[in-house]
PDB file of N, CA and C in Angstrom:
ATOM      1  N   MET A   1       9.929 -15.712 -22.944  1.00  0.00           N
ATOM      2  CA  MET A   1      10.362 -14.352 -21.286  1.00  0.00           C
ATOM      3  C   MET A   1      11.331 -14.570 -21.153  1.00  0.00           C
ATOM      4  N   GLU A   2      12.730 -13.794 -20.632  1.00  0.00           N
ATOM      5  CA  GLU A   2      13.598 -13.351 -20.067  1.00  0.00           C
ATOM      6  C   GLU A   2      14.211 -13.242 -19.427  1.00  0.00           C
ATOM      7  N   VAL A   3      14.239 -14.608 -17.473  1.00  0.00           N
ATOM      8  CA  VAL A   3      14.816 -13.782 -16.909  1.00  0.00           C
ATOM      9  C   VAL A   3      16.025 -13.632 -16.266  1.00  0.00           C
ATOM     10  N   ILE A   4      15.900 -12.716 -15.272  1.00  0.00           N
ATOM     11  CA  ILE A   4      16.984 -12.203 -14.749  1.00  0.00           C
ATOM     12  C   ILE A   4      17.249 -12.461 -13.501  1.00  0.00           C
ATOM     13  N   TYR A   5      18.183 -13.326 -12.917  1.00  0.00           N
ATOM     14  CA  TYR A   5      18.778 -13.711 -11.614  1.00  0.00           C
ATOM     15  C   TYR A   5      19.449 -12.873 -11.025  1.00  0.00           C
ATOM     16  N   THR A   6      18.954 -12.243 -10.032  1.00  0.00           N
ATOM     17  CA  THR A   6      19.727 -10.956  -9.508  1.00  0.00           C
ATOM     18  C   THR A   6      20.023 -12.505  -7.928  1.00  0.00           C
ATOM     19  N   GLY A   7      20.179 -13.208  -7.318  1.00  0.00           N
ATOM     20  CA  GLY A   7      20.863 -13.818  -6.344  1.00  0.00           C
ATOM     21  C   GLY A   7      20.105 -13.626  -4.990  1.00  0.00           C
ATOM     22  N   LEU A   8      20.654 -14.104  -4.056  1.00  0.00           N
ATOM     23  CA  LEU A   8      20.211 -14.188  -3.335  1.00  0.00           C
ATOM     24  C   LEU A   8      20.525 -12.263  -2.032  1.00  0.00           C
ATOM     25  N   HIS A   9      19.516 -12.827  -1.364  1.00  0.00           N
ATOM     26  CA  HIS A   9      20.154 -11.082  -0.359  1.00  0.00           C
ATOM     27  C   HIS A   9      19.983 -10.147  -0.717  1.00  0.00           C
ATOM     28  N   GLN A  10      19.202  -9.710  -1.901  1.00  0.00           N
ATOM     29  CA  GLN A  10      19.209  -8.095  -2.371  1.00  0.00           C
ATOM     30  C   GLN A  10      18.414  -7.635  -2.235  1.00  0.00           C
ATOM     31  N   THR A  11      19.544  -6.204  -1.124  1.00  0.00           N
ATOM     32  CA  THR A  11      18.520  -5.682  -0.796  1.00  0.00           C
ATOM     33  C   THR A  11      16.834  -4.888  -1.643  1.00  0.00           C
ATOM     34  N   PRO A  12      16.138  -3.957  -1.480  1.00  0.00           N
ATOM     35  CA  PRO A  12      15.046  -3.319  -1.553  1.00  0.00           C
ATOM     36  C   PRO A  12      15.874  -2.423  -3.389  1.00  0.00           C
ATOM     37  N   GLU A  13      16.448  -1.928  -2.789  1.00  0.00           N
ATOM     38  CA  GLU A  13      17.654  -0.671  -3.409  1.00  0.00           C
ATOM     39  C   GLU A  13      18.129  -1.431  -4.419  1.00  0.00           C
ATOM     40  N   GLN A  14      18.376  -2.241  -4.552  1.00  0.00           N
ATOM     41  CA  GLN A  14      19.320  -3.323  -5.398  1.00  0.00           C
ATOM     42  C   GLN A  14      18.593  -3.568  -6.761  1.00  0.00           C
ATOM     43  N   ILE A  15      17.267  -4.445  -5.783  1.00  0.00           N
ATOM     44  CA  ILE A  15      15.988  -5.287  -6.990  1.00  0.00           C
ATOM     45  C   ILE A  15      15.352  -3.718  -7.898  1.00  0.00           C
ATOM     46  N   VAL A  16      14.992  -2.301  -7.305  1.00  0.00           N
ATOM     47  CA  VAL A  16      14.864  -1.503  -8.136  1.00  0.00           C
ATOM     48  C   VAL A  16      15.563  -1.406  -9.231  1.00  0.00           C
ATOM     49  N   GLU A  17      16.727  -0.967  -8.435  1.00  0.00           N
ATOM     50  CA  GLU A  17      17.467  -1.071  -9.595  1.00  0.00           C
ATOM     51  C   GLU A  17      18.181  -1.533 -11.000  1.00  0.00           C
ATOM     52  N   THR A  18      17.932  -3.137 -10.736  1.00  0.00           N
ATOM     53  CA  THR A  18      17.703  -3.615 -11.696  1.00  0.00           C
ATOM     54  C   THR A  18      17.097  -3.973 -12.244  1.00  0.00           C
ATOM     55  N   VAL A  19      15.220  -3.377 -11.927  1.00  0.00           N
ATOM     56  CA  VAL A  19      14.551  -2.990 -12.825  1.00  0.00           C
ATOM     57  C   VAL A  19      14.397  -2.221 -13.577  1.00  0.00           C
ATOM     58  N   ILE A  20      14.856  -0.765 -13.375  1.00  0.00           N
ATOM     59  CA  ILE A  20      15.194   0.578 -14.298  1.00  0.00           C
ATOM     60  C   ILE A  20      16.244  -0.717 -14.962  1.00  0.00           C
ATOM     61  N   GLN A  21      17.525  -1.267 -14.667  1.00  0.00           N
ATOM     62  CA  GLN A  21      18.808  -0.820 -15.586  1.00  0.00           C
ATOM     63  C   GLN A  21      17.888  -2.304 -16.566  1.00  0.00           C
ATOM     64  N   GLU A  22      17.277  -3.241 -16.465  1.00  0.00           N
ATOM     65  CA  GLU A  22      16.759  -4.094 -17.383  1.00  0.00           C
ATOM     66  C   GLU A  22      15.321  -3.646 -17.948  1.00  0.00           C
ATOM     67  N   ASP A  23      15.085  -3.219 -18.006  1.00  0.00           N
ATOM     68  CA  ASP A  23      13.413  -2.237 -18.657  1.00  0.00           C
ATOM     69  C   ASP A  23      12.250  -3.396 -17.922  1.00  0.00           C
ATOM     70  N   ALA A  24      12.630  -3.661 -16.498  1.00  0.00           N
ATOM     71  CA  ALA A  24      12.012  -5.268 -16.811  1.00  0.00           C
ATOM     72  C   ALA A  24      10.132  -4.946 -16.607  1.00  0.00           C
ATOM     73  N   ASP A  25      10.060  -6.027 -17.561  1.00  0.00           N
ATOM     74  CA  ASP A  25       8.189  -5.330 -17.420  1.00  0.00           C
ATOM     75  C   ASP A  25       7.302  -6.014 -15.790  1.00  0.00           C
ATOM     76  N   ALA A  26       8.378  -6.919 -15.486  1.00  0.00           N
ATOM     77  CA  ALA A  26       7.737  -7.766 -14.312  1.00  0.00           C
ATOM     78  C   ALA A  26       8.514  -7.996 -13.422  1.00  0.00           C
ATOM     79  N   VAL A  27       8.766  -8.018 -11.576  1.00  0.00           N
ATOM     80  CA  VAL A  27       9.439  -8.624 -10.753  1.00  0.00           C
ATOM     81  C   VAL A  27       8.437  -9.529  -9.847  1.00  0.00           C
ATOM     82  N   GLY A  28       9.517 -10.526  -9.887  1.00  0.00           N
ATOM     83  CA  GLY A  28       9.194 -11.860  -9.307  1.00  0.00           C
ATOM     84  C   GLY A  28      10.245 -12.109  -7.691  1.00  0.00           C
ATOM     85  N   LEU A  29       9.647 -11.700  -6.617  1.00  0.00           N
ATOM     86  CA  LEU A  29      10.260 -11.685  -5.556  1.00  0.00           C
ATOM     87  C   LEU A  29       9.707 -12.846  -4.676  1.00  0.00           C
ATOM     88  N   SER A  30      11.190 -14.230  -4.046  1.00  0.00           N
ATOM     89  CA  SER A  30      10.960 -15.238  -3.318  1.00  0.00           C
ATOM     90  C   SER A  30      11.462 -14.706  -2.669  1.00  0.00           C
ATOM     91  N   ILE A  31      10.584 -14.352  -1.340  1.00  0.00           N
ATOM     92  CA  ILE A  31      10.833 -14.401   0.080  1.00  0.00           C
ATOM     93  C   ILE A  31      10.694 -15.723   0.995  1.00  0.00           C
ATOM     94  N   LEU A  32      10.869 -16.153   1.726  1.00  0.00           N
ATOM     95  CA  LEU A  32      11.046 -17.255   2.730  1.00  0.00           C
ATOM     96  C   LEU A  32      12.015 -16.884   4.002  1.00  0.00           C
ATOM     97  N   SER A  33      12.113 -15.731   4.207  1.00  0.00           N
ATOM     98  CA  SER A  33      11.962 -15.320   5.756  1.00  0.00           C
ATOM     99  C   SER A  33      11.286 -14.558   6.314  1.00  0.00           C
ATOM    100  N   GLY A  34      10.369 -14.910   6.062  1.00  0.00           N
ATOM    101  CA  GLY A  34       9.159 -14.197   6.744  1.00  0.00           C
ATOM    102  C   GLY A  34       9.668 -12.316   6.690  1.00  0.00           C
ATOM    103  N   ALA A  35      10.305 -11.746   5.706  1.00  0.00           N
ATOM    104  CA  ALA A  35      10.237 -10.793   6.163  1.00  0.00           C
ATOM    105  C   ALA A  35       9.779  -9.741   4.720  1.00  0.00           C
ATOM    106  N   HIS A  36       8.724 -10.364   4.520  1.00  0.00           N
ATOM    107  CA  HIS A  36       7.968  -9.790   3.511  1.00  0.00           C
ATOM    108  C   HIS A  36       7.249  -8.635   3.439  1.00  0.00           C
ATOM    109  N   MET A  37       6.500  -8.402   4.261  1.00  0.00           N
ATOM    110  CA  MET A  37       5.687  -7.175   5.404  1.00  0.00           C
ATOM    111  C   MET A  37       6.856  -6.359   5.216  1.00  0.00           C
ATOM    112  N   THR A  38       7.721  -6.236   5.587  1.00  0.00           N
ATOM    113  CA  THR A  38       8.746  -4.762   5.347  1.00  0.00           C
ATOM    114  C   THR A  38       9.571  -5.009   4.071  1.00  0.00           C
ATOM    115  N   LEU A  39       9.717  -6.086   3.415  1.00  0.00           N
ATOM    116  CA  LEU A  39      10.613  -5.708   2.127  1.00  0.00           C
ATOM    117  C   LEU A  39       9.846  -5.192   1.133  1.00  0.00           C
ATOM    118  N   VAL A  40       8.594  -6.396   0.426  1.00  0.00           N
ATOM    119  CA  VAL A  40       7.543  -6.168  -0.059  1.00  0.00           C
ATOM    120  C   VAL A  40       7.003  -3.663  -0.011  1.00  0.00           C
ATOM    121  N   PRO A  41       6.171  -3.308   1.002  1.00  0.00           N
ATOM    122  CA  PRO A  41       6.181  -3.202   1.097  1.00  0.00           C
ATOM    123  C   PRO A  41       7.414  -1.649   0.786  1.00  0.00           C
ATOM    124  N   ARG A  42       7.998  -1.670   0.957  1.00  0.00           N
ATOM    125  CA  ARG A  42       9.980  -0.926   0.538  1.00  0.00           C
ATOM    126  C   ARG A  42       9.932  -0.839  -0.860  1.00  0.00           C
ATOM    127  N   ILE A  43      10.173  -2.461  -1.511  1.00  0.00           N
ATOM    128  CA  ILE A  43       9.839  -2.118  -2.609  1.00  0.00           C
ATOM    129  C   ILE A  43       9.099  -1.280  -3.439  1.00  0.00           C
ATOM    130  N   VAL A  44       7.805  -1.670  -3.725  1.00  0.00           N
ATOM    131  CA  VAL A  44       6.442  -0.924  -3.747  1.00  0.00           C
ATOM    132  C   VAL A  44       6.741   0.780  -3.949  1.00  0.00           C
ATOM    133  N   ASP A  45       7.390   0.933  -2.631  1.00  0.00           N
ATOM    134  CA  ASP A  45       7.470   2.215  -2.391  1.00  0.00           C
ATOM    135  C   ASP A  45       8.483   3.118  -3.177  1.00  0.00           C
ATOM    136  N   LEU A  46       9.462   2.709  -3.646  1.00  0.00           N
ATOM    137  CA  LEU A  46      11.131   2.758  -4.256  1.00  0.00           C
ATOM    138  C   LEU A  46      10.512   2.173  -5.755  1.00  0.00           C
ATOM    139  N   LEU A  47       9.451   1.795  -6.355  1.00  0.00           N
ATOM    140  CA  LEU A  47       9.059   1.588  -7.790  1.00  0.00           C
ATOM    141  C   LEU A  47       8.482   2.785  -7.689  1.00  0.00           C
ATOM    142  N   HIS A  48       7.336   3.105  -6.553  1.00  0.00           N
ATOM    143  CA  HIS A  48       6.904   4.472  -7.476  1.00  0.00           C
ATOM    144  C   HIS A  48       7.745   5.817  -7.156  1.00  0.00           C
ATOM    145  N   ALA A  49       8.380   5.893  -6.285  1.00  0.00           N
ATOM    146  CA  ALA A  49       8.737   6.772  -6.294  1.00  0.00           C
ATOM    147  C   ALA A  49       9.762   7.319  -7.552  1.00  0.00           C
ATOM    148  N   GLN A  50      10.118   5.944  -7.966  1.00  0.00           N
ATOM    149  CA  GLN A  50      10.976   6.246  -9.689  1.00  0.00           C
ATOM    150  C   GLN A  50      10.216   6.181 -10.309  1.00  0.00           C
ATOM    151  N   GLU A  51       8.950   6.370 -10.256  1.00  0.00           N
ATOM    152  CA  GLU A  51       7.550   6.414 -11.074  1.00  0.00           C
ATOM    153  C   GLU A  51       7.500   5.331 -11.955  1.00  0.00           C
ATOM    154  N   ILE A  52       7.696   4.316 -11.723  1.00  0.00           N
ATOM    155  CA  ILE A  52       7.488   2.953 -12.265  1.00  0.00           C
ATOM    156  C   ILE A  52       6.092   2.275 -11.553  1.00  0.00           C
ATOM    157  N   ASP A  53       5.122   2.850 -12.200  1.00  0.00           N
ATOM    158  CA  ASP A  53       4.145   1.802 -12.272  1.00  0.00           C
ATOM    159  C   ASP A  53       3.638   1.175 -12.901  1.00  0.00           C
ATOM    160  N   ASP A  54       4.141   0.637 -13.921  1.00  0.00           N
ATOM    161  CA  ASP A  54       3.986  -0.302 -15.279  1.00  0.00           C
ATOM    162  C   ASP A  54       4.201  -1.836 -15.047  1.00  0.00           C
ATOM    163  N   VAL A  55       5.547  -2.040 -13.904  1.00  0.00           N
ATOM    164  CA  VAL A  55       5.657  -3.182 -13.506  1.00  0.00           C
ATOM    165  C   VAL A  55       4.924  -4.393 -12.797  1.00  0.00           C
ATOM    166  N   VAL A  56       5.219  -5.562 -13.476  1.00  0.00           N
ATOM    167  CA  VAL A  56       4.436  -6.394 -12.597  1.00  0.00           C
ATOM    168  C   VAL A  56       4.792  -7.161 -11.527  1.00  0.00           C
ATOM    169  N   VAL A  57       3.939  -6.875 -10.152  1.00  0.00           N
ATOM    170  CA  VAL A  57       5.148  -7.604  -9.200  1.00  0.00           C
ATOM    171  C   VAL A  57       4.380  -8.434  -8.559  1.00  0.00           C
ATOM    172  N   THR A  58       4.909  -9.812  -8.255  1.00  0.00           N
ATOM    173  CA  THR A  58       4.256 -10.682  -7.935  1.00  0.00           C
ATOM    174  C   THR A  58       5.308 -11.209  -7.147  1.00  0.00           C
ATOM    175  N   VAL A  59       5.272 -12.021  -5.521  1.00  0.00           N
ATOM    176  CA  VAL A  59       5.929 -12.737  -4.787  1.00  0.00           C
ATOM    177  C   VAL A  59       5.417 -14.330  -4.492  1.00  0.00           C
ATOM    178  N   GLY A  60       6.049 -14.609  -4.047  1.00  0.00           N
ATOM    179  CA  GLY A  60       5.970 -16.404  -3.515  1.00  0.00           C
ATOM    180  C   GLY A  60       6.785 -15.922  -2.340  1.00  0.00           C
ATOM    181  N   GLY A  61       6.540 -17.335  -1.524  1.00  0.00           N
ATOM    182  CA  GLY A  61       7.496 -17.591  -0.377  1.00  0.00           C
ATOM    183  C   GLY A  61       6.039 -18.419   0.801  1.00  0.00           C
ATOM    184  N   THR A  62       6.775 -18.319   1.951  1.00  0.00           N
ATOM    185  CA  THR A  62       5.664 -19.016   3.029  1.00  0.00           C
ATOM    186  C   THR A  62       5.137 -17.685   3.423  1.00  0.00           C
ATOM    187  N   ILE A  63       4.196 -17.050   3.018  1.00  0.00           N
ATOM    188  CA  ILE A  63       3.410 -16.054   2.729  1.00  0.00           C
ATOM    189  C   ILE A  63       2.338 -16.807   3.474  1.00  0.00           C
ATOM    190  N   PRO A  64       2.127 -15.499   4.841  1.00  0.00           N
ATOM    191  CA  PRO A  64       0.960 -16.348   5.434  1.00  0.00           C
ATOM    192  C   PRO A  64      -0.718 -15.849   4.605  1.00  0.00           C
ATOM    193  N   ALA A  65      -1.611 -16.266   4.760  1.00  0.00           N
ATOM    194  CA  ALA A  65      -3.161 -16.244   3.625  1.00  0.00           C
ATOM    195  C   ALA A  65      -3.556 -14.817   4.790  1.00  0.00           C
ATOM    196  N   ASP A  66      -3.141 -14.852   5.583  1.00  0.00           N
ATOM    197  CA  ASP A  66      -3.225 -13.774   6.529  1.00  0.00           C
ATOM    198  C   ASP A  66      -3.023 -11.844   5.725  1.00  0.00           C
ATOM    199  N   ASP A  67      -1.296 -12.353   5.938  1.00  0.00           N
ATOM    200  CA  ASP A  67      -0.880 -10.918   4.671  1.00  0.00           C
ATOM    201  C   ASP A  67      -1.063 -11.099   3.060  1.00  0.00           C
ATOM    202  N   ILE A  68      -1.859 -11.923   2.895  1.00  0.00           N
ATOM    203  CA  ILE A  68      -2.227 -11.659   1.044  1.00  0.00           C
ATOM    204  C   ILE A  68      -3.127 -10.201   0.505  1.00  0.00           C
ATOM    205  N   PRO A  69      -4.195 -10.042   1.498  1.00  0.00           N
ATOM    206  CA  PRO A  69      -4.537  -9.446   1.067  1.00  0.00           C
ATOM    207  C   PRO A  69      -4.152  -7.510   1.259  1.00  0.00           C
ATOM    208  N   GLU A  70      -3.058  -7.416   2.086  1.00  0.00           N
ATOM    209  CA  GLU A  70      -2.373  -6.280   2.565  1.00  0.00           C
ATOM    210  C   GLU A  70      -1.462  -6.267   1.250  1.00  0.00           C
ATOM    211  N   LEU A  71      -0.459  -7.535   1.360  1.00  0.00           N
ATOM    212  CA  LEU A  71       0.550  -7.394   0.223  1.00  0.00           C
ATOM    213  C   LEU A  71      -0.570  -7.260  -1.017  1.00  0.00           C
ATOM    214  N   ARG A  72      -1.625  -7.785  -1.728  1.00  0.00           N
ATOM    215  CA  ARG A  72      -2.633  -6.899  -3.076  1.00  0.00           C
ATOM    216  C   ARG A  72      -3.186  -5.732  -2.715  1.00  0.00           C
ATOM    217  N   ARG A  73      -3.269  -5.292  -1.443  1.00  0.00           N
ATOM    218  CA  ARG A  73      -3.954  -3.909  -1.428  1.00  0.00           C
ATOM    219  C   ARG A  73      -2.414  -2.761  -1.579  1.00  0.00           C
ATOM    220  N   LEU A  74      -1.270  -3.385  -1.551  1.00  0.00           N
ATOM    221  CA  LEU A  74      -0.209  -2.629  -1.974  1.00  0.00           C
ATOM    222  C   LEU A  74       0.274  -2.858  -2.989  1.00  0.00           C
ATOM    223  N   GLY A  75      -0.707  -3.619  -4.524  1.00  0.00           N
ATOM    224  CA  GLY A  75      -0.257  -3.658  -5.514  1.00  0.00           C
ATOM    225  C   GLY A  75       0.662  -4.564  -5.930  1.00  0.00           C
ATOM    226  N   VAL A  76       0.748  -5.659  -4.837  1.00  0.00           N
ATOM    227  CA  VAL A  76       0.996  -6.848  -5.699  1.00  0.00           C
ATOM    228  C   VAL A  76      -0.075  -8.089  -6.356  1.00  0.00           C
ATOM    229  N   ALA A  77       0.721  -7.534  -7.464  1.00  0.00           N
ATOM    230  CA  ALA A  77      -0.761  -8.494  -8.090  1.00  0.00           C
ATOM    231  C   ALA A  77      -0.830  -9.407  -8.357  1.00  0.00           C
ATOM    232  N   ALA A  78       0.568 -10.168  -7.490  1.00  0.00           N
ATOM    233  CA  ALA A  78      -0.233 -11.688  -6.932  1.00  0.00           C
ATOM    234  C   ALA A  78       0.717 -12.497  -6.105  1.00  0.00           C
ATOM    235  N   VAL A  79       0.289 -13.397  -4.953  1.00  0.00           N
ATOM    236  CA  VAL A  79       0.901 -13.679  -4.322  1.00  0.00           C
ATOM    237  C   VAL A  79       0.775 -15.228  -4.947  1.00  0.00           C
ATOM    238  N   PHE A  80       1.555 -16.164  -5.165  1.00  0.00           N
ATOM    239  CA  PHE A  80       2.978 -17.805  -4.545  1.00  0.00           C
ATOM    240  C   PHE A  80       2.975 -18.627  -3.562  1.00  0.00           C
ATOM    241  N   THR A  81       2.318 -18.850  -3.485  1.00  0.00           N
ATOM    242  CA  THR A  81       2.411 -19.304  -1.681  1.00  0.00           C
ATOM    243  C   THR A  81       2.973 -21.210  -2.782  1.00  0.00           C
ATOM    244  N   PRO A  82       3.836 -21.870  -1.259  1.00  0.00           N
ATOM    245  CA  PRO A  82       4.149 -22.905  -1.621  1.00  0.00           C
ATOM    246  C   PRO A  82       3.832 -24.230  -2.497  1.00  0.00           C
ATOM    247  N   GLY A  83       4.636 -25.023  -3.417  1.00  0.00           N
ATOM    248  CA  GLY A  83       3.338 -26.183  -3.889  1.00  0.00           C
ATOM    249  C   GLY A  83       2.516 -25.385  -5.143  1.00  0.00           C
ATOM    250  N   ALA A  84       2.756 -24.191  -5.656  1.00  0.00           N
ATOM    251  CA  ALA A  84       1.446 -23.336  -6.644  1.00  0.00           C
ATOM    252  C   ALA A  84       2.925 -24.200  -7.516  1.00  0.00           C
ATOM    253  N   PRO A  85       1.676 -24.300  -9.276  1.00  0.00           N
ATOM    254  CA  PRO A  85       2.656 -25.148 -10.376  1.00  0.00           C
ATOM    255  C   PRO A  85       3.437 -24.122 -11.006  1.00  0.00           C
ATOM    256  N   THR A  86       4.879 -24.235 -11.167  1.00  0.00           N
ATOM    257  CA  THR A  86       5.074 -23.097 -12.036  1.00  0.00           C
ATOM    258  C   THR A  86       4.986 -22.708 -13.459  1.00  0.00           C
ATOM    259  N   GLN A  87       3.151 -23.134 -14.530  1.00  0.00           N
ATOM    260  CA  GLN A  87       2.963 -23.371 -15.047  1.00  0.00           C
ATOM    261  C   GLN A  87       1.938 -21.888 -15.071  1.00  0.00           C
ATOM    262  N   GLU A  88       1.615 -22.442 -12.915  1.00  0.00           N
ATOM    263  CA  GLU A  88       0.389 -21.146 -13.068  1.00  0.00           C
ATOM    264  C   GLU A  88       1.003 -19.890 -12.791  1.00  0.00           C
ATOM    265  N   ILE A  89       2.219 -20.399 -12.393  1.00  0.00           N
ATOM    266  CA  ILE A  89       3.170 -18.527 -12.073  1.00  0.00           C
ATOM    267  C   ILE A  89       3.405 -17.815 -13.745  1.00  0.00           C
ATOM    268  N   ILE A  90       4.096 -19.125 -14.817  1.00  0.00           N
ATOM    269  CA  ILE A  90       4.492 -18.416 -15.882  1.00  0.00           C
ATOM    270  C   ILE A  90       3.444 -18.005 -16.376  1.00  0.00           C
ATOM    271  N   ASP A  91       1.829 -18.609 -16.251  1.00  0.00           N
ATOM    272  CA  ASP A  91       0.270 -18.067 -17.252  1.00  0.00           C
ATOM    273  C   ASP A  91       0.197 -16.881 -16.601  1.00  0.00           C
ATOM    274  N   PHE A  92       0.275 -17.016 -15.892  1.00  0.00           N
ATOM    275  CA  PHE A  92      -0.130 -15.176 -14.756  1.00  0.00           C
ATOM    276  C   PHE A  92       0.635 -14.392 -15.842  1.00  0.00           C
ATOM    277  N   ILE A  93       1.921 -14.727 -15.284  1.00  0.00           N
ATOM    278  CA  ILE A  93       3.086 -13.916 -15.566  1.00  0.00           C
ATOM    279  C   ILE A  93       2.696 -13.201 -17.000  1.00  0.00           C
ATOM    280  N   ARG A  94       2.633 -13.865 -17.434  1.00  0.00           N
ATOM    281  CA  ARG A  94       2.551 -14.043 -19.261  1.00  0.00           C
ATOM    282  C   ARG A  94       1.083 -12.647 -19.738  1.00  0.00           C
ATOM    283  N   GLY A  95      -0.102 -13.189 -18.951  1.00  0.00           N
ATOM    284  CA  GLY A  95      -1.455 -12.738 -19.168  1.00  0.00           C
ATOM    285  C   GLY A  95      -1.132 -11.558 -18.503  1.00  0.00           C
ATOM    286  N   ALA A  96      -0.884 -11.192 -17.030  1.00  0.00           N
ATOM    287  CA  ALA A  96      -0.400  -9.907 -16.474  1.00  0.00           C
ATOM    288  C   ALA A  96       0.313  -9.119 -17.533  1.00  0.00           C
ATOM    289  N   VAL A  97       1.607  -9.247 -18.050  1.00  0.00           N
ATOM    290  CA  VAL A  97       2.801  -8.157 -18.498  1.00  0.00           C
ATOM    291  C   VAL A  97       1.696  -8.315 -19.936  1.00  0.00           C
ATOM    292  N   ARG A  98       1.047  -8.725 -20.846  1.00  0.00           N
ATOM    293  CA  ARG A  98       0.048  -8.839 -22.078  1.00  0.00           C
ATOM    294  C   ARG A  98      -0.753  -8.174 -21.782  1.00  0.00           C
ATOM    295  N   ALA A  99      -1.389  -8.286 -20.934  1.00  0.00           N
ATOM    296  CA  ALA A  99      -2.234  -7.555 -20.497  1.00  0.00           C
ATOM    297  C   ALA A  99      -2.401  -5.256 -20.803  1.00  0.00           C
ATOM    298  N   ASP A 100      -0.809  -4.948 -20.025  1.00  0.00           N
ATOM    299  CA  ASP A 100      -0.417  -3.770 -20.200  1.00  0.00           C
ATOM    300  C   ASP A 100      -0.393  -3.788 -21.442  1.00  0.00           C
TER     301      ASP A 100
END
């Protein structure tokens, strides 16, 4: 697995451009600001606009339990909240990418 870290404070457009340039199989978004219900839908919309429907999108961070069903409805494959074991995340991504 190759991980490409793009740094902090990337715009949705920058994230999607990186997905395209790197031909990524998955994108993991770490959001601690509380802006997940704004940023994630924008990223998902931009991916769809580029006809990128096979990228596994995961989100981690301080995500309230009440927001998880909506994120899943938008197409987020998994949400990892604080304390999620790293190995659980790795195993999920490997399984989700392998399944595609």
